[in-house]
Amino acid sequence: LFLSPTVTSGRAQVQQEPFLETTEGSGINISCSHPEKKLGYSIHVYRQLPGREPEFLALIARGSKDLPDISGRLWVSEDGQSSALWLRRPRRGDAAVYYCAQDP
C-alpha cells in the first residue's frame, strides 16, 4: 500500500514527506509541516486516487477531528506549525496522493 504525499501550496509553505508506504491494515501518519501558518488559518486535506480528481477530505484550524469516512483522524499541533492525518487501518483502496494545504 503506497501513500504518496507531496509538497503543495503556492509558495511551498506546506511541506510533506515525499513518499510513505505501509502494509494493508497497519495504521500510518501522514505528517505536514507549515511553520508559517497564521493564527486562524485552516489546514485543508485532500487525496487523489489514481486516475481521479483530488477529493476534499477535511479542514481544521486547531485541535483534532475524526474522519469516519476514511477511518482516520486529522490533528493540528497546538502551535499550528504541523499537522498529521492518521489512517487507522488503510486498505488497498486508500493508496493515493494525499495533500495538505493552508489558507492562502
N, C-alpha and C. Protein backbone atom coordinates (compact mmCIF):
# COMPACT_ATOMS: atom_id res chain seq x y z
N LEU A 1 0.86 -1.17 0.00
CA LEU A 1 0.00 0.00 0.00
C LEU A 1 0.90 1.22 0.00
N PHE A 2 0.81 2.04 -1.02
CA PHE A 2 1.65 3.23 -1.15
C PHE A 2 0.80 4.48 -0.94
N LEU A 3 1.29 5.35 -0.11
CA LEU A 3 0.64 6.63 0.15
C LEU A 3 1.65 7.68 -0.22
N SER A 4 1.34 8.52 -1.17
CA SER A 4 2.34 9.45 -1.69
C SER A 4 1.97 10.89 -1.42
N PRO A 5 2.35 11.42 -0.26
CA PRO A 5 2.14 12.84 -0.05
C PRO A 5 3.13 13.64 -0.88
N THR A 6 2.76 14.85 -1.21
CA THR A 6 3.67 15.71 -1.96
C THR A 6 3.68 17.10 -1.36
N VAL A 7 4.71 17.85 -1.70
CA VAL A 7 4.74 19.25 -1.28
C VAL A 7 3.68 19.98 -2.08
N THR A 8 2.89 20.78 -1.41
CA THR A 8 1.84 21.51 -2.10
C THR A 8 1.73 22.91 -1.52
N SER A 9 0.96 23.74 -2.13
CA SER A 9 0.71 25.13 -1.76
C SER A 9 1.50 26.02 -2.69
N GLY A 10 0.94 27.17 -2.98
CA GLY A 10 1.51 28.09 -3.95
C GLY A 10 2.98 28.39 -3.77
N ARG A 11 3.42 28.66 -2.56
CA ARG A 11 4.81 29.02 -2.34
C ARG A 11 5.52 28.03 -1.44
N ALA A 12 5.11 26.76 -1.49
CA ALA A 12 5.71 25.69 -0.70
C ALA A 12 5.74 26.05 0.78
N GLN A 13 4.64 26.64 1.26
CA GLN A 13 4.54 26.97 2.68
C GLN A 13 4.14 25.75 3.49
N VAL A 14 3.79 24.68 2.81
CA VAL A 14 3.46 23.42 3.46
C VAL A 14 4.41 22.37 2.92
N GLN A 15 5.01 21.62 3.82
CA GLN A 15 5.97 20.59 3.40
C GLN A 15 5.51 19.24 3.91
N GLN A 16 5.69 18.22 3.08
CA GLN A 16 5.33 16.86 3.42
C GLN A 16 6.45 15.92 3.04
N GLU A 17 6.43 14.73 3.64
CA GLU A 17 7.36 13.70 3.22
C GLU A 17 6.99 13.29 1.79
N PRO A 18 7.99 13.01 0.95
CA PRO A 18 7.67 12.73 -0.46
C PRO A 18 7.01 11.38 -0.70
N PHE A 19 7.17 10.42 0.22
CA PHE A 19 6.67 9.08 -0.06
C PHE A 19 6.54 8.30 1.24
N LEU A 20 5.44 7.60 1.42
CA LEU A 20 5.23 6.72 2.57
C LEU A 20 4.69 5.39 2.08
N GLU A 21 4.98 4.34 2.83
CA GLU A 21 4.50 3.02 2.47
C GLU A 21 4.11 2.28 3.75
N THR A 22 3.04 1.51 3.67
CA THR A 22 2.61 0.70 4.81
C THR A 22 1.97 -0.56 4.27
N THR A 23 1.74 -1.52 5.15
CA THR A 23 1.02 -2.72 4.75
C THR A 23 -0.46 -2.51 5.04
N GLU A 24 -1.28 -3.21 4.31
CA GLU A 24 -2.73 -3.08 4.48
C GLU A 24 -3.11 -3.39 5.92
N GLY A 25 -3.89 -2.50 6.54
CA GLY A 25 -4.34 -2.70 7.90
C GLY A 25 -3.44 -2.12 8.97
N SER A 26 -2.24 -1.68 8.61
CA SER A 26 -1.31 -1.08 9.57
C SER A 26 -1.47 0.43 9.55
N GLY A 27 -1.81 1.04 10.70
CA GLY A 27 -2.03 2.48 10.77
C GLY A 27 -0.80 3.28 10.34
N ILE A 28 -1.05 4.46 9.82
CA ILE A 28 0.05 5.30 9.33
C ILE A 28 -0.29 6.77 9.54
N ASN A 29 0.72 7.56 9.86
CA ASN A 29 0.61 9.01 10.00
C ASN A 29 1.19 9.67 8.77
N ILE A 30 0.46 10.58 8.18
CA ILE A 30 0.95 11.41 7.08
C ILE A 30 1.12 12.81 7.66
N SER A 31 2.36 13.23 7.83
CA SER A 31 2.66 14.48 8.53
C SER A 31 2.91 15.63 7.56
N CYS A 32 2.50 16.81 7.99
CA CYS A 32 2.76 18.04 7.24
C CYS A 32 3.39 19.06 8.17
N SER A 33 4.25 19.88 7.61
CA SER A 33 4.85 20.99 8.34
C SER A 33 4.42 22.28 7.66
N HIS A 34 3.95 23.22 8.46
CA HIS A 34 3.53 24.53 7.92
C HIS A 34 3.95 25.60 8.91
N PRO A 35 5.27 25.85 9.00
CA PRO A 35 5.80 26.76 10.01
C PRO A 35 5.34 28.21 9.87
N GLU A 36 4.82 28.58 8.72
CA GLU A 36 4.37 29.97 8.53
C GLU A 36 2.85 30.11 8.65
N LYS A 37 2.19 29.08 9.20
CA LYS A 37 0.73 29.14 9.36
C LYS A 37 0.36 30.27 10.30
N LYS A 38 -0.55 31.10 9.85
CA LYS A 38 -1.00 32.23 10.66
C LYS A 38 -2.18 31.81 11.54
N LEU A 39 -2.30 32.45 12.69
CA LEU A 39 -3.39 32.18 13.62
C LEU A 39 -4.73 32.33 12.90
N GLY A 40 -5.59 31.37 13.05
CA GLY A 40 -6.90 31.42 12.42
C GLY A 40 -6.96 30.78 11.05
N TYR A 41 -5.82 30.53 10.41
CA TYR A 41 -5.82 29.86 9.12
C TYR A 41 -6.14 28.39 9.32
N SER A 42 -6.72 27.78 8.31
CA SER A 42 -7.06 26.37 8.38
C SER A 42 -6.13 25.54 7.51
N ILE A 43 -6.03 24.27 7.88
CA ILE A 43 -5.31 23.29 7.06
C ILE A 43 -6.37 22.46 6.34
N HIS A 44 -6.20 22.32 5.03
CA HIS A 44 -7.12 21.56 4.19
C HIS A 44 -6.41 20.28 3.78
N VAL A 45 -7.13 19.17 3.78
CA VAL A 45 -6.55 17.89 3.39
C VAL A 45 -7.36 17.31 2.23
N TYR A 46 -6.63 16.85 1.22
CA TYR A 46 -7.22 16.25 0.03
C TYR A 46 -6.52 14.93 -0.25
N ARG A 47 -7.17 14.08 -1.01
CA ARG A 47 -6.49 12.91 -1.54
C ARG A 47 -6.87 12.75 -3.00
N GLN A 48 -5.93 12.19 -3.75
CA GLN A 48 -6.16 11.96 -5.17
C GLN A 48 -5.90 10.49 -5.46
N LEU A 49 -6.98 9.76 -5.69
CA LEU A 49 -6.87 8.36 -6.05
C LEU A 49 -6.39 8.25 -7.49
N PRO A 50 -5.73 7.17 -7.84
CA PRO A 50 -5.21 7.02 -9.21
C PRO A 50 -6.30 7.24 -10.27
N GLY A 51 -6.00 8.10 -11.23
CA GLY A 51 -6.92 8.37 -12.33
C GLY A 51 -8.12 9.23 -11.98
N ARG A 52 -8.13 9.83 -10.77
CA ARG A 52 -9.26 10.63 -10.33
C ARG A 52 -8.82 12.05 -10.02
N GLU A 53 -9.79 12.94 -9.88
CA GLU A 53 -9.54 14.32 -9.44
C GLU A 53 -9.30 14.32 -7.93
N PRO A 54 -8.56 15.32 -7.42
CA PRO A 54 -8.40 15.42 -5.96
C PRO A 54 -9.76 15.55 -5.28
N GLU A 55 -9.89 14.92 -4.12
CA GLU A 55 -11.14 14.94 -3.35
C GLU A 55 -10.86 15.56 -1.99
N PHE A 56 -11.70 16.52 -1.62
CA PHE A 56 -11.56 17.17 -0.32
C PHE A 56 -11.93 16.19 0.79
N LEU A 57 -11.06 16.11 1.82
CA LEU A 57 -11.34 15.24 2.96
C LEU A 57 -11.80 16.02 4.19
N ALA A 58 -11.09 17.10 4.51
CA ALA A 58 -11.42 17.84 5.73
C ALA A 58 -10.62 19.12 5.81
N LEU A 59 -11.06 20.00 6.72
CA LEU A 59 -10.25 21.15 7.08
C LEU A 59 -10.32 21.33 8.58
N ILE A 60 -9.26 21.91 9.13
CA ILE A 60 -9.17 22.08 10.57
C ILE A 60 -8.25 23.26 10.84
N ALA A 61 -8.58 24.05 11.84
CA ALA A 61 -7.73 25.18 12.22
C ALA A 61 -6.89 24.83 13.44
N ARG A 62 -7.47 24.03 14.36
CA ARG A 62 -6.74 23.64 15.56
C ARG A 62 -7.40 22.40 16.15
N GLY A 63 -6.68 21.74 17.05
CA GLY A 63 -7.22 20.56 17.70
C GLY A 63 -7.20 19.34 16.80
N SER A 64 -8.21 18.50 16.93
CA SER A 64 -8.27 17.28 16.11
C SER A 64 -9.72 16.96 15.79
N LYS A 65 -9.90 16.14 14.78
CA LYS A 65 -11.25 15.69 14.42
C LYS A 65 -11.17 14.31 13.80
N ASP A 66 -12.19 13.52 14.10
CA ASP A 66 -12.31 12.19 13.49
C ASP A 66 -12.82 12.34 12.07
N LEU A 67 -12.33 11.45 11.21
CA LEU A 67 -12.78 11.40 9.83
C LEU A 67 -13.31 9.99 9.57
N PRO A 68 -14.55 9.72 9.99
CA PRO A 68 -15.07 8.35 9.90
C PRO A 68 -15.16 7.80 8.48
N ASP A 69 -15.35 8.67 7.49
CA ASP A 69 -15.46 8.19 6.10
C ASP A 69 -14.20 7.49 5.62
N ILE A 70 -13.06 7.86 6.18
CA ILE A 70 -11.79 7.23 5.76
C ILE A 70 -11.13 6.50 6.93
N SER A 71 -11.87 6.31 8.01
CA SER A 71 -11.33 5.66 9.21
C SER A 71 -10.02 6.32 9.63
N GLY A 72 -10.08 7.63 9.84
CA GLY A 72 -8.87 8.37 10.19
C GLY A 72 -9.13 9.48 11.18
N ARG A 73 -8.09 10.23 11.44
CA ARG A 73 -8.17 11.36 12.35
C ARG A 73 -7.19 12.42 11.86
N LEU A 74 -7.63 13.67 11.88
CA LEU A 74 -6.80 14.80 11.48
C LEU A 74 -6.48 15.62 12.72
N TRP A 75 -5.23 16.01 12.84
CA TRP A 75 -4.75 16.69 14.05
C TRP A 75 -3.85 17.86 13.65
N VAL A 76 -3.95 18.98 14.36
CA VAL A 76 -3.06 20.12 14.18
C VAL A 76 -2.41 20.40 15.53
N SER A 77 -1.10 20.63 15.53
CA SER A 77 -0.37 20.90 16.76
C SER A 77 -0.89 22.17 17.43
N GLU A 78 -0.62 22.30 18.71
CA GLU A 78 -1.09 23.46 19.46
C GLU A 78 -0.55 24.77 18.90
N ASP A 79 0.70 24.76 18.42
CA ASP A 79 1.27 25.98 17.85
C ASP A 79 0.88 26.18 16.38
N GLY A 80 0.16 25.21 15.81
CA GLY A 80 -0.32 25.32 14.43
C GLY A 80 0.73 25.10 13.37
N GLN A 81 1.93 24.70 13.74
CA GLN A 81 3.01 24.58 12.75
C GLN A 81 3.15 23.20 12.14
N SER A 82 2.36 22.25 12.60
CA SER A 82 2.40 20.92 11.99
C SER A 82 1.03 20.28 12.11
N SER A 83 0.81 19.30 11.27
CA SER A 83 -0.44 18.56 11.30
C SER A 83 -0.17 17.13 10.87
N ALA A 84 -1.13 16.27 11.12
CA ALA A 84 -0.97 14.87 10.72
C ALA A 84 -2.33 14.28 10.41
N LEU A 85 -2.36 13.47 9.39
CA LEU A 85 -3.53 12.67 9.05
C LEU A 85 -3.18 11.25 9.41
N TRP A 86 -3.94 10.66 10.32
CA TRP A 86 -3.72 9.28 10.74
C TRP A 86 -4.78 8.41 10.13
N LEU A 87 -4.35 7.41 9.38
CA LEU A 87 -5.27 6.41 8.82
C LEU A 87 -5.17 5.18 9.70
N ARG A 88 -6.27 4.82 10.36
CA ARG A 88 -6.25 3.73 11.34
C ARG A 88 -5.92 2.38 10.71
N ARG A 89 -6.65 2.02 9.70
CA ARG A 89 -6.47 0.72 9.05
C ARG A 89 -6.56 0.90 7.53
N PRO A 90 -5.54 1.48 6.94
CA PRO A 90 -5.63 1.72 5.49
C PRO A 90 -5.79 0.42 4.71
N ARG A 91 -6.61 0.53 3.67
CA ARG A 91 -6.82 -0.60 2.77
C ARG A 91 -6.19 -0.28 1.42
N ARG A 92 -6.16 -1.25 0.58
CA ARG A 92 -5.58 -1.06 -0.75
C ARG A 92 -6.24 0.11 -1.47
N GLY A 93 -7.52 0.31 -1.28
CA GLY A 93 -8.25 1.39 -1.93
C GLY A 93 -7.90 2.77 -1.41
N ASP A 94 -7.12 2.85 -0.32
CA ASP A 94 -6.68 4.13 0.23
C ASP A 94 -5.36 4.59 -0.36
N ALA A 95 -4.74 3.76 -1.19
CA ALA A 95 -3.48 4.15 -1.82
C ALA A 95 -3.74 5.34 -2.74
N ALA A 96 -3.10 6.46 -2.46
CA ALA A 96 -3.40 7.71 -3.17
C ALA A 96 -2.31 8.72 -2.88
N VAL A 97 -2.41 9.86 -3.54
CA VAL A 97 -1.60 11.02 -3.19
C VAL A 97 -2.42 11.84 -2.22
N TYR A 98 -1.85 12.13 -1.05
CA TYR A 98 -2.52 12.93 -0.02
C TYR A 98 -1.86 14.29 0.03
N TYR A 99 -2.68 15.34 0.00
CA TYR A 99 -2.18 16.71 0.00
C TYR A 99 -2.66 17.43 1.24
N CYS A 100 -1.82 18.27 1.81
CA CYS A 100 -2.31 19.22 2.79
C CYS A 100 -1.94 20.62 2.28
N ALA A 101 -2.81 21.55 2.54
CA ALA A 101 -2.63 22.92 2.08
C ALA A 101 -3.16 23.84 3.17
N GLN A 102 -2.72 25.07 3.16
CA GLN A 102 -3.24 26.03 4.13
C GLN A 102 -3.97 27.15 3.40
N ASP A 103 -4.79 27.89 4.15
CA ASP A 103 -5.48 29.02 3.57
C ASP A 103 -4.45 29.96 2.92
N PRO A 104 -4.85 30.60 1.81
CA PRO A 104 -3.90 31.50 1.13
C PRO A 104 -3.60 32.74 1.96
